[in-house]
PDB file of all heavy atoms in Angstrom:
ATOM      1  N   ALA A   1     -10.966   0.053  -0.267  1.00  0.00           N
ATOM      2  CA  ALA A   1      -9.755  -0.781  -0.072  1.00  0.00           C
ATOM      3  C   ALA A   1      -8.917  -0.261   0.992  1.00  0.00           C
ATOM      4  O   ALA A   1      -8.840   0.974   1.181  1.00  0.00           O
ATOM      5  CB  ALA A   1      -9.025  -0.816  -1.429  1.00  0.00           C
ATOM      6  N   GLU A   2      -8.314  -1.174   1.761  1.00  0.00           N
ATOM      7  CA  GLU A   2      -7.545  -0.845   2.917  1.00  0.00           C
ATOM      8  C   GLU A   2      -6.196  -0.155   2.464  1.00  0.00           C
ATOM      9  O   GLU A   2      -5.419  -0.720   1.679  1.00  0.00           O
ATOM     10  CB  GLU A   2      -7.234  -2.068   3.807  1.00  0.00           C
ATOM     11  CG  GLU A   2      -8.542  -2.506   4.615  1.00  0.00           C
ATOM     12  CD  GLU A   2      -8.990  -1.472   5.614  1.00  0.00           C
ATOM     13  OE1 GLU A   2      -8.145  -0.805   6.302  1.00  0.00           O
ATOM     14  OE2 GLU A   2     -10.181  -1.466   5.938  1.00  0.00           O
ATOM     15  N   ALA A   3      -5.896   0.887   3.089  1.00  0.00           N
ATOM     16  CA  ALA A   3      -4.448   1.493   2.936  1.00  0.00           C
ATOM     17  C   ALA A   3      -4.038   1.826   4.377  1.00  0.00           C
ATOM     18  O   ALA A   3      -4.800   1.962   5.269  1.00  0.00           O
ATOM     19  CB  ALA A   3      -4.635   2.811   2.109  1.00  0.00           C
ATOM     20  N   VAL A   4      -2.692   1.969   4.449  1.00  0.00           N
ATOM     21  CA  VAL A   4      -2.103   2.234   5.713  1.00  0.00           C
ATOM     22  C   VAL A   4      -1.034   3.348   5.574  1.00  0.00           C
ATOM     23  O   VAL A   4      -0.500   3.412   4.489  1.00  0.00           O
ATOM     24  CB  VAL A   4      -1.500   0.927   6.365  1.00  0.00           C
ATOM     25  CG1 VAL A   4      -0.363   0.422   5.508  1.00  0.00           C
ATOM     26  CG2 VAL A   4      -1.057   1.217   7.775  1.00  0.00           C
ATOM     27  N   ASP A   5      -0.996   4.182   6.564  1.00  0.00           N
ATOM     28  CA  ASP A   5      -0.023   5.287   6.347  1.00  0.00           C
ATOM     29  C   ASP A   5       1.315   4.814   7.159  1.00  0.00           C
ATOM     30  O   ASP A   5       1.281   4.410   8.196  1.00  0.00           O
ATOM     31  CB  ASP A   5      -0.455   6.510   7.131  1.00  0.00           C
ATOM     32  CG  ASP A   5       0.452   7.665   7.006  1.00  0.00           C
ATOM     33  OD1 ASP A   5       1.286   7.818   8.008  1.00  0.00           O
ATOM     34  OD2 ASP A   5       0.294   8.399   6.148  1.00  0.00           O
ATOM     35  N   VAL A   6       2.440   4.959   6.456  1.00  0.00           N
ATOM     36  CA  VAL A   6       3.648   4.624   6.911  1.00  0.00           C
ATOM     37  C   VAL A   6       4.584   5.867   6.793  1.00  0.00           C
ATOM     38  O   VAL A   6       4.931   6.238   5.616  1.00  0.00           O
ATOM     39  CB  VAL A   6       4.344   3.367   6.328  1.00  0.00           C
ATOM     40  CG1 VAL A   6       5.723   3.170   6.853  1.00  0.00           C
ATOM     41  CG2 VAL A   6       3.477   2.194   6.419  1.00  0.00           C
ATOM     42  N   ASN A   7       4.821   6.556   7.879  1.00  0.00           N
ATOM     43  CA  ASN A   7       5.684   7.791   7.904  1.00  0.00           C
ATOM     44  C   ASN A   7       5.235   8.833   6.844  1.00  0.00           C
ATOM     45  O   ASN A   7       6.090   9.379   6.077  1.00  0.00           O
ATOM     46  CB  ASN A   7       7.183   7.426   7.648  1.00  0.00           C
ATOM     47  CG  ASN A   7       7.741   6.708   8.876  1.00  0.00           C
ATOM     48  OD1 ASN A   7       7.039   6.600  10.003  1.00  0.00           O
ATOM     49  ND2 ASN A   7       8.943   6.243   8.888  1.00  0.00           N
ATOM     50  N   GLY A   8       3.921   9.018   6.768  1.00  0.00           N
ATOM     51  CA  GLY A   8       3.425  10.095   5.881  1.00  0.00           C
ATOM     52  C   GLY A   8       3.137   9.630   4.503  1.00  0.00           C
ATOM     53  O   GLY A   8       2.809  10.469   3.612  1.00  0.00           O
ATOM     54  N   VAL A   9       3.287   8.395   4.184  1.00  0.00           N
ATOM     55  CA  VAL A   9       2.937   7.882   2.791  1.00  0.00           C
ATOM     56  C   VAL A   9       1.858   6.894   2.930  1.00  0.00           C
ATOM     57  O   VAL A   9       2.050   5.891   3.720  1.00  0.00           O
ATOM     58  CB  VAL A   9       4.174   7.318   2.098  1.00  0.00           C
ATOM     59  CG1 VAL A   9       3.790   6.702   0.748  1.00  0.00           C
ATOM     60  CG2 VAL A   9       5.324   8.299   1.985  1.00  0.00           C
ATOM     61  N   SER A  10       0.800   6.945   2.229  1.00  0.00           N
ATOM     62  CA  SER A  10      -0.284   6.010   2.195  1.00  0.00           C
ATOM     63  C   SER A  10      -0.024   4.872   1.260  1.00  0.00           C
ATOM     64  O   SER A  10       0.371   5.185   0.068  1.00  0.00           O
ATOM     65  CB  SER A  10      -1.613   6.726   1.891  1.00  0.00           C
ATOM     66  OG  SER A  10      -2.696   5.807   1.889  1.00  0.00           O
ATOM     67  N   TRP A  11      -0.237   3.684   1.608  1.00  0.00           N
ATOM     68  CA  TRP A  11       0.034   2.500   0.856  1.00  0.00           C
ATOM     69  C   TRP A  11      -1.191   1.583   0.840  1.00  0.00           C
ATOM     70  O   TRP A  11      -1.652   1.134   1.856  1.00  0.00           O
ATOM     71  CB  TRP A  11       1.150   1.697   1.371  1.00  0.00           C
ATOM     72  CG  TRP A  11       2.517   2.393   1.384  1.00  0.00           C
ATOM     73  CD1 TRP A  11       2.923   3.188   2.425  1.00  0.00           C
ATOM     74  CD2 TRP A  11       3.518   2.521   0.375  1.00  0.00           C
ATOM     75  NE1 TRP A  11       4.236   3.685   2.231  1.00  0.00           N
ATOM     76  CE2 TRP A  11       4.583   3.311   0.881  1.00  0.00           C
ATOM     77  CE3 TRP A  11       3.613   1.947  -0.865  1.00  0.00           C
ATOM     78  CZ2 TRP A  11       5.789   3.525   0.260  1.00  0.00           C
ATOM     79  CZ3 TRP A  11       4.800   2.109  -1.573  1.00  0.00           C
ATOM     80  CH2 TRP A  11       5.756   2.991  -1.101  1.00  0.00           C
ATOM     81  N   LEU A  12      -1.655   1.196  -0.397  1.00  0.00           N
ATOM     82  CA  LEU A  12      -2.505   0.132  -0.598  1.00  0.00           C
ATOM     83  C   LEU A  12      -1.834  -1.220  -0.445  1.00  0.00           C
ATOM     84  O   LEU A  12      -0.797  -1.349  -0.946  1.00  0.00           O
ATOM     85  CB  LEU A  12      -3.136   0.109  -2.007  1.00  0.00           C
ATOM     86  CG  LEU A  12      -4.082  -0.974  -2.447  1.00  0.00           C
ATOM     87  CD1 LEU A  12      -5.375  -0.988  -1.662  1.00  0.00           C
ATOM     88  CD2 LEU A  12      -4.205  -0.950  -3.986  1.00  0.00           C
ATOM     89  N   LEU A  13      -2.436  -2.054   0.438  1.00  0.00           N
ATOM     90  CA  LEU A  13      -1.811  -3.420   0.638  1.00  0.00           C
ATOM     91  C   LEU A  13      -2.535  -4.542  -0.134  1.00  0.00           C
ATOM     92  O   LEU A  13      -3.776  -4.625  -0.001  1.00  0.00           O
ATOM     93  CB  LEU A  13      -1.822  -3.733   2.117  1.00  0.00           C
ATOM     94  CG  LEU A  13      -0.950  -2.828   3.014  1.00  0.00           C
ATOM     95  CD1 LEU A  13      -1.684  -1.585   3.449  1.00  0.00           C
ATOM     96  CD2 LEU A  13      -0.424  -3.606   4.246  1.00  0.00           C
ATOM     97  N   GLU A  14      -1.753  -5.384  -0.786  1.00  0.00           N
ATOM     98  CA  GLU A  14      -2.357  -6.444  -1.484  1.00  0.00           C
ATOM     99  C   GLU A  14      -1.562  -7.678  -1.312  1.00  0.00           C
ATOM    100  O   GLU A  14      -0.319  -7.725  -1.558  1.00  0.00           O
ATOM    101  CB  GLU A  14      -2.457  -6.210  -2.949  1.00  0.00           C
ATOM    102  CG  GLU A  14      -3.309  -5.018  -3.347  1.00  0.00           C
ATOM    103  CD  GLU A  14      -3.279  -4.654  -4.839  1.00  0.00           C
ATOM    104  OE1 GLU A  14      -2.338  -4.062  -5.300  1.00  0.00           O
ATOM    105  OE2 GLU A  14      -4.252  -5.030  -5.521  1.00  0.00           O
ATOM    106  N   LYS A  15      -2.129  -8.803  -0.773  1.00  0.00           N
ATOM    107  CA  LYS A  15      -1.464 -10.106  -0.655  1.00  0.00           C
ATOM    108  C   LYS A  15      -1.260 -10.697  -1.975  1.00  0.00           C
ATOM    109  O   LYS A  15      -2.123 -10.730  -2.821  1.00  0.00           O
ATOM    110  CB  LYS A  15      -2.264 -10.925   0.353  1.00  0.00           C
ATOM    111  CG  LYS A  15      -1.673 -12.311   0.497  1.00  0.00           C
ATOM    112  CD  LYS A  15      -0.301 -12.446   1.083  1.00  0.00           C
ATOM    113  CE  LYS A  15       0.150 -13.835   1.352  1.00  0.00           C
ATOM    114  NZ  LYS A  15       1.487 -13.976   0.913  1.00  0.00           N
ATOM    115  N   GLN A  16      -0.040 -11.220  -2.223  1.00  0.00           N
ATOM    116  CA  GLN A  16       0.358 -11.849  -3.432  1.00  0.00           C
ATOM    117  C   GLN A  16       0.624 -13.337  -3.120  1.00  0.00           C
ATOM    118  O   GLN A  16       0.794 -13.737  -1.898  1.00  0.00           O
ATOM    119  CB  GLN A  16       1.530 -11.144  -4.099  1.00  0.00           C
ATOM    120  CG  GLN A  16       1.361  -9.722  -4.279  1.00  0.00           C
ATOM    121  CD  GLN A  16       0.328  -9.375  -5.246  1.00  0.00           C
ATOM    122  OE1 GLN A  16       0.491  -9.601  -6.390  1.00  0.00           O
ATOM    123  NE2 GLN A  16      -0.716  -8.882  -4.707  1.00  0.00           N
ATOM    124  N   GLY A  17       0.788 -14.163  -4.162  1.00  0.00           N
ATOM    125  CA  GLY A  17       1.097 -15.531  -3.905  1.00  0.00           C
ATOM    126  C   GLY A  17       2.371 -15.837  -3.115  1.00  0.00           C
ATOM    127  O   GLY A  17       2.589 -16.642  -2.327  1.00  0.00           O
ATOM    128  N   ASP A  18       3.332 -14.972  -3.417  1.00  0.00           N
ATOM    129  CA  ASP A  18       4.701 -15.091  -2.865  1.00  0.00           C
ATOM    130  C   ASP A  18       5.120 -13.882  -2.069  1.00  0.00           C
ATOM    131  O   ASP A  18       6.390 -13.620  -1.859  1.00  0.00           O
ATOM    132  CB  ASP A  18       5.692 -15.523  -3.919  1.00  0.00           C
ATOM    133  CG  ASP A  18       5.719 -14.485  -5.069  1.00  0.00           C
ATOM    134  OD1 ASP A  18       4.873 -13.594  -5.037  1.00  0.00           O
ATOM    135  OD2 ASP A  18       6.548 -14.706  -5.996  1.00  0.00           O
ATOM    136  N   GLY A  19       4.165 -13.074  -1.506  1.00  0.00           N
ATOM    137  CA  GLY A  19       4.547 -11.854  -0.712  1.00  0.00           C
ATOM    138  C   GLY A  19       3.457 -10.888  -0.714  1.00  0.00           C
ATOM    139  O   GLY A  19       2.306 -11.274  -0.817  1.00  0.00           O
ATOM    140  N   TYR A  20       3.846  -9.604  -0.664  1.00  0.00           N
ATOM    141  CA  TYR A  20       2.928  -8.492  -0.624  1.00  0.00           C
ATOM    142  C   TYR A  20       3.217  -7.475  -1.643  1.00  0.00           C
ATOM    143  O   TYR A  20       4.482  -7.286  -1.876  1.00  0.00           O
ATOM    144  CB  TYR A  20       2.916  -7.899   0.782  1.00  0.00           C
ATOM    145  CG  TYR A  20       2.454  -8.886   1.843  1.00  0.00           C
ATOM    146  CD1 TYR A  20       3.370  -9.729   2.457  1.00  0.00           C
ATOM    147  CD2 TYR A  20       1.109  -8.946   2.127  1.00  0.00           C
ATOM    148  CE1 TYR A  20       2.950 -10.680   3.324  1.00  0.00           C
ATOM    149  CE2 TYR A  20       0.710  -9.985   3.070  1.00  0.00           C
ATOM    150  CZ  TYR A  20       1.589 -10.814   3.710  1.00  0.00           C
ATOM    151  OH  TYR A  20       1.163 -11.664   4.587  1.00  0.00           O
ATOM    152  N   ARG A  21       2.258  -6.802  -2.134  1.00  0.00           N
ATOM    153  CA  ARG A  21       2.490  -5.619  -2.979  1.00  0.00           C
ATOM    154  C   ARG A  21       1.855  -4.396  -2.321  1.00  0.00           C
ATOM    155  O   ARG A  21       0.716  -4.526  -1.765  1.00  0.00           O
ATOM    156  CB  ARG A  21       1.717  -5.798  -4.329  1.00  0.00           C
ATOM    157  CG  ARG A  21       1.856  -4.508  -5.170  1.00  0.00           C
ATOM    158  CD  ARG A  21       1.375  -4.760  -6.636  1.00  0.00           C
ATOM    159  NE  ARG A  21       0.070  -5.322  -6.575  1.00  0.00           N
ATOM    160  CZ  ARG A  21      -0.303  -6.044  -7.657  1.00  0.00           C
ATOM    161  NH1 ARG A  21       0.379  -6.269  -8.729  1.00  0.00           N
ATOM    162  NH2 ARG A  21      -1.666  -6.542  -7.580  1.00  0.00           N
ATOM    163  N   PHE A  22       2.669  -3.340  -2.172  1.00  0.00           N
ATOM    164  CA  PHE A  22       2.231  -2.101  -1.595  1.00  0.00           C
ATOM    165  C   PHE A  22       2.282  -0.980  -2.723  1.00  0.00           C
ATOM    166  O   PHE A  22       3.278  -0.923  -3.306  1.00  0.00           O
ATOM    167  CB  PHE A  22       3.202  -1.686  -0.455  1.00  0.00           C
ATOM    168  CG  PHE A  22       3.248  -2.790   0.608  1.00  0.00           C
ATOM    169  CD1 PHE A  22       4.239  -3.733   0.602  1.00  0.00           C
ATOM    170  CD2 PHE A  22       2.538  -2.712   1.691  1.00  0.00           C
ATOM    171  CE1 PHE A  22       4.387  -4.712   1.526  1.00  0.00           C
ATOM    172  CE2 PHE A  22       2.477  -3.680   2.737  1.00  0.00           C
ATOM    173  CZ  PHE A  22       3.473  -4.695   2.659  1.00  0.00           C
ATOM    174  N   THR A  23       1.194  -0.289  -2.927  1.00  0.00           N
ATOM    175  CA  THR A  23       1.211   0.759  -3.898  1.00  0.00           C
ATOM    176  C   THR A  23       0.756   2.053  -3.288  1.00  0.00           C
ATOM    177  O   THR A  23      -0.266   2.098  -2.522  1.00  0.00           O
ATOM    178  CB  THR A  23       0.175   0.308  -5.049  1.00  0.00           C
ATOM    179  OG1 THR A  23       0.539  -0.946  -5.502  1.00  0.00           O
ATOM    180  CG2 THR A  23       0.380   1.377  -6.184  1.00  0.00           C
ATOM    181  N   THR A  24       1.489   3.104  -3.536  1.00  0.00           N
ATOM    182  CA  THR A  24       1.107   4.399  -2.972  1.00  0.00           C
ATOM    183  C   THR A  24      -0.361   4.851  -3.382  1.00  0.00           C
ATOM    184  O   THR A  24      -0.771   4.523  -4.484  1.00  0.00           O
ATOM    185  CB  THR A  24       2.131   5.516  -3.358  1.00  0.00           C
ATOM    186  OG1 THR A  24       2.150   5.611  -4.810  1.00  0.00           O
ATOM    187  CG2 THR A  24       3.453   5.202  -2.748  1.00  0.00           C
ATOM    188  N   THR A  25      -0.946   5.567  -2.538  1.00  0.00           N
ATOM    189  CA  THR A  25      -2.297   6.167  -2.853  1.00  0.00           C
ATOM    190  C   THR A  25      -2.103   7.674  -2.584  1.00  0.00           C
ATOM    191  O   THR A  25      -1.322   8.143  -1.804  1.00  0.00           O
ATOM    192  CB  THR A  25      -3.402   5.556  -2.095  1.00  0.00           C
ATOM    193  OG1 THR A  25      -3.183   5.924  -0.628  1.00  0.00           O
ATOM    194  CG2 THR A  25      -3.497   4.086  -2.180  1.00  0.00           C
ATOM    195  N   GLY A  26      -2.933   8.432  -3.384  1.00  0.00           N
ATOM    196  CA  GLY A  26      -2.914   9.914  -3.127  1.00  0.00           C
ATOM    197  C   GLY A  26      -1.683  10.589  -3.447  1.00  0.00           C
ATOM    198  O   GLY A  26      -1.367  11.750  -3.016  1.00  0.00           O
ATOM    199  N   ARG A  27      -0.955  10.060  -4.445  1.00  0.00           N
ATOM    200  CA  ARG A  27       0.295  10.639  -4.894  1.00  0.00           C
ATOM    201  C   ARG A  27       0.143  10.983  -6.427  1.00  0.00           C
ATOM    202  O   ARG A  27      -0.695  10.221  -7.110  1.00  0.00           O
ATOM    203  CB  ARG A  27       1.557   9.722  -4.725  1.00  0.00           C
ATOM    204  CG  ARG A  27       1.786   9.496  -3.252  1.00  0.00           C
ATOM    205  CD  ARG A  27       2.866  10.306  -2.712  1.00  0.00           C
ATOM    206  NE  ARG A  27       2.690  10.428  -1.279  1.00  0.00           N
ATOM    207  CZ  ARG A  27       3.325  11.347  -0.540  1.00  0.00           C
ATOM    208  NH1 ARG A  27       3.987  12.279  -1.079  1.00  0.00           N
ATOM    209  NH2 ARG A  27       3.106  11.440   0.770  1.00  0.00           N
ATOM    210  N   ARG A  28       0.966  11.787  -7.024  1.00  0.00           N
ATOM    211  CA  ARG A  28       0.814  12.207  -8.424  1.00  0.00           C
ATOM    212  C   ARG A  28       1.320  11.129  -9.340  1.00  0.00           C
ATOM    213  O   ARG A  28       1.157  11.210 -10.624  1.00  0.00           O
ATOM    214  CB  ARG A  28       1.479  13.518  -8.730  1.00  0.00           C
ATOM    215  CG  ARG A  28       0.731  14.622  -8.018  1.00  0.00           C
ATOM    216  CD  ARG A  28       1.238  15.963  -8.343  1.00  0.00           C
ATOM    217  NE  ARG A  28       0.504  17.051  -7.611  1.00  0.00           N
ATOM    218  CZ  ARG A  28       0.888  18.225  -7.489  1.00  0.00           C
ATOM    219  NH1 ARG A  28       2.016  18.659  -8.072  1.00  0.00           N
ATOM    220  NH2 ARG A  28       0.178  19.061  -6.836  1.00  0.00           N
TER     221      ARG A  28
END
């Protein structure tokens, strides 16, 4: 699954019906 790094935090990106959900990856 695609994740992107934004200023040192990795986020999983998921398109939603009315926007986007971003969830951290690799964090406790």
